C-alpha atoms as a PDB file:
ATOM      1  CA  MET A   1      -8.584   3.976  15.428  1.00  0.00           C
ATOM      2  CA  MET A   2      -9.923   7.124  17.066  1.00  0.00           C
ATOM      3  CA  THR A   3     -13.047   5.324  18.288  1.00  0.00           C
ATOM      4  CA  ALA A   4     -11.036   2.583  19.939  1.00  0.00           C
ATOM      5  CA  ALA A   5      -8.624   5.053  21.487  1.00  0.00           C
ATOM      6  CA  VAL A   6     -11.447   7.167  22.919  1.00  0.00           C
ATOM      7  CA  ALA A   7     -13.189   4.063  24.307  1.00  0.00           C
ATOM      8  CA  ILE A   8      -9.989   2.895  25.987  1.00  0.00           C
ATOM      9  CA  ILE A   9      -9.326   6.312  27.492  1.00  0.00           C
ATOM     10  CA  ALA A  10     -12.933   6.655  28.656  1.00  0.00           C
ATOM     11  CA  LEU A  11     -12.849   3.274  30.397  1.00  0.00           C
ATOM     12  CA  LEU A  12      -9.656   3.915  32.355  1.00  0.00           C
ATOM     13  CA  PRO A  13     -11.422   5.817  35.181  1.00  0.00           C
ATOM     14  CA  VAL A  14     -14.043   3.064  35.439  1.00  0.00           C
ATOM     15  CA  LEU A  15     -11.381   0.352  35.639  1.00  0.00           C
ATOM     16  CA  THR A  16      -9.425   2.165  38.315  1.00  0.00           C
ATOM     17  CA  SER A  17     -12.367   3.233  40.467  1.00  0.00           C
ATOM     18  CA  THR A  18     -12.868   1.978  44.009  1.00  0.00           C
ATOM     19  CA  GLY A  19     -15.984   3.895  45.095  1.00  0.00           C
ATOM     20  CA  LYS A  20     -19.635   2.910  45.214  1.00  0.00           C
ATOM     21  CA  GLY A  21     -20.687   0.793  42.300  1.00  0.00           C
ATOM     22  CA  ALA A  22     -17.148  -0.134  41.304  1.00  0.00           C
ATOM     23  CA  ASP A  23     -17.825  -3.783  42.156  1.00  0.00           C
ATOM     24  CA  ILE A  24     -20.469  -3.768  39.424  1.00  0.00           C
ATOM     25  CA  MET A  25     -18.905  -1.417  36.859  1.00  0.00           C
ATOM     26  CA  VAL A  26     -15.395  -2.865  36.707  1.00  0.00           C
ATOM     27  CA  PRO A  27     -16.487  -6.359  35.589  1.00  0.00           C
ATOM     28  CA  MET A  28     -18.756  -4.732  32.977  1.00  0.00           C
ATOM     29  CA  ALA A  29     -15.928  -2.550  31.621  1.00  0.00           C
ATOM     30  CA  ILE A  30     -13.254  -5.258  31.383  1.00  0.00           C
ATOM     31  CA  PRO A  31     -14.651  -7.034  28.246  1.00  0.00           C
ATOM     32  CA  THR A  32     -15.122  -3.726  26.422  1.00  0.00           C
ATOM     33  CA  PHE A  33     -11.612  -2.591  27.322  1.00  0.00           C
ATOM     34  CA  GLY A  34     -10.161  -5.944  26.182  1.00  0.00           C
ATOM     35  CA  GLY A  35     -12.122  -5.847  22.956  1.00  0.00           C
ATOM     36  CA  MET A  36     -10.833  -2.384  22.109  1.00  0.00           C
ATOM     37  CA  ILE A  37      -7.234  -3.468  22.838  1.00  0.00           C
ATOM     38  CA  ILE A  38      -7.674  -6.503  20.561  1.00  0.00           C
ATOM     39  CA  GLN A  39      -9.194  -4.266  17.866  1.00  0.00           C
ATOM     40  CA  ILE A  40      -6.197  -1.933  17.888  1.00  0.00           C
ATOM     41  CA  MET A  41      -3.786  -4.873  17.825  1.00  0.00           C
ATOM     42  CA  THR A  42      -5.733  -6.358  14.902  1.00  0.00           C
ATOM     43  CA  MET A  43      -5.451  -3.098  12.959  1.00  0.00           C
ATOM     44  CA  PHE A  44      -1.660  -3.485  13.000  1.00  0.00           C
ATOM     45  CA  VAL A  45      -1.212  -7.260  12.875  1.00  0.00           C
ATOM     46  CA  VAL A  46      -3.538  -8.168   9.991  1.00  0.00           C
ATOM     47  CA  PRO A  47      -1.843  -5.866   7.423  1.00  0.00           C
ATOM     48  CA  VAL A  48       1.560  -7.239   8.406  1.00  0.00           C
ATOM     49  CA  PHE A  49       0.425 -10.848   7.900  1.00  0.00           C
ATOM     50  CA  GLN A  50      -1.251  -9.937   4.609  1.00  0.00           C
ATOM     51  CA  SER A  51       1.943  -8.311   3.288  1.00  0.00           C
ATOM     52  CA  ILE A  52       3.983 -11.356   4.340  1.00  0.00           C
ATOM     53  CA  TRP A  53       1.512 -13.615   2.548  1.00  0.00           C
ATOM     54  CA  ARG A  54       1.521 -11.537  -0.650  1.00  0.00           C
ATOM     55  CA  GLU A  55       5.306 -11.283  -0.676  1.00  0.00           C
ATOM     56  CA  GLY A  56       5.439 -15.067  -0.383  1.00  0.00           C
ATOM     57  CA  GLU A  57       3.113 -15.392  -3.380  1.00  0.00           C
ATOM     58  CA  ILE A  58       5.311 -13.111  -5.453  1.00  0.00           C
ATOM     59  CA  LYS A  59       8.458 -15.040  -4.460  1.00  0.00           C
ATOM     60  CA  ARG A  60       6.792 -18.368  -5.394  1.00  0.00           C
ATOM     61  CA  LYS A  61       5.802 -16.983  -8.800  1.00  0.00           C
ATOM     62  CA  VAL A  62       9.340 -15.715  -9.419  1.00  0.00           C
ATOM     63  CA  LEU A  63      10.852 -19.088  -8.457  1.00  0.00           C
ATOM     64  CA  LYS A  64       8.325 -20.936 -10.627  1.00  0.00           C
ATOM     65  CA  VAL A  65       9.201 -18.812 -13.697  1.00  0.00           C
ATOM     66  CA  SER A  66      12.967 -19.117 -13.228  1.00  0.00           C
END
């Protein structure tokens, strides 16, 4: 989490720059920035889906026993 947050914060000046070299650096920084955003979203979304899936398994077992 810390690595992704630091990478995102470090890329913000590159993404907002308009000086010399910005026409080269901004397109290079966009995929890295997007990848870090997706990584952070994945860190929160995957556990939620896994808990939903496991709760469904438990409910199916309870209904099967009853």
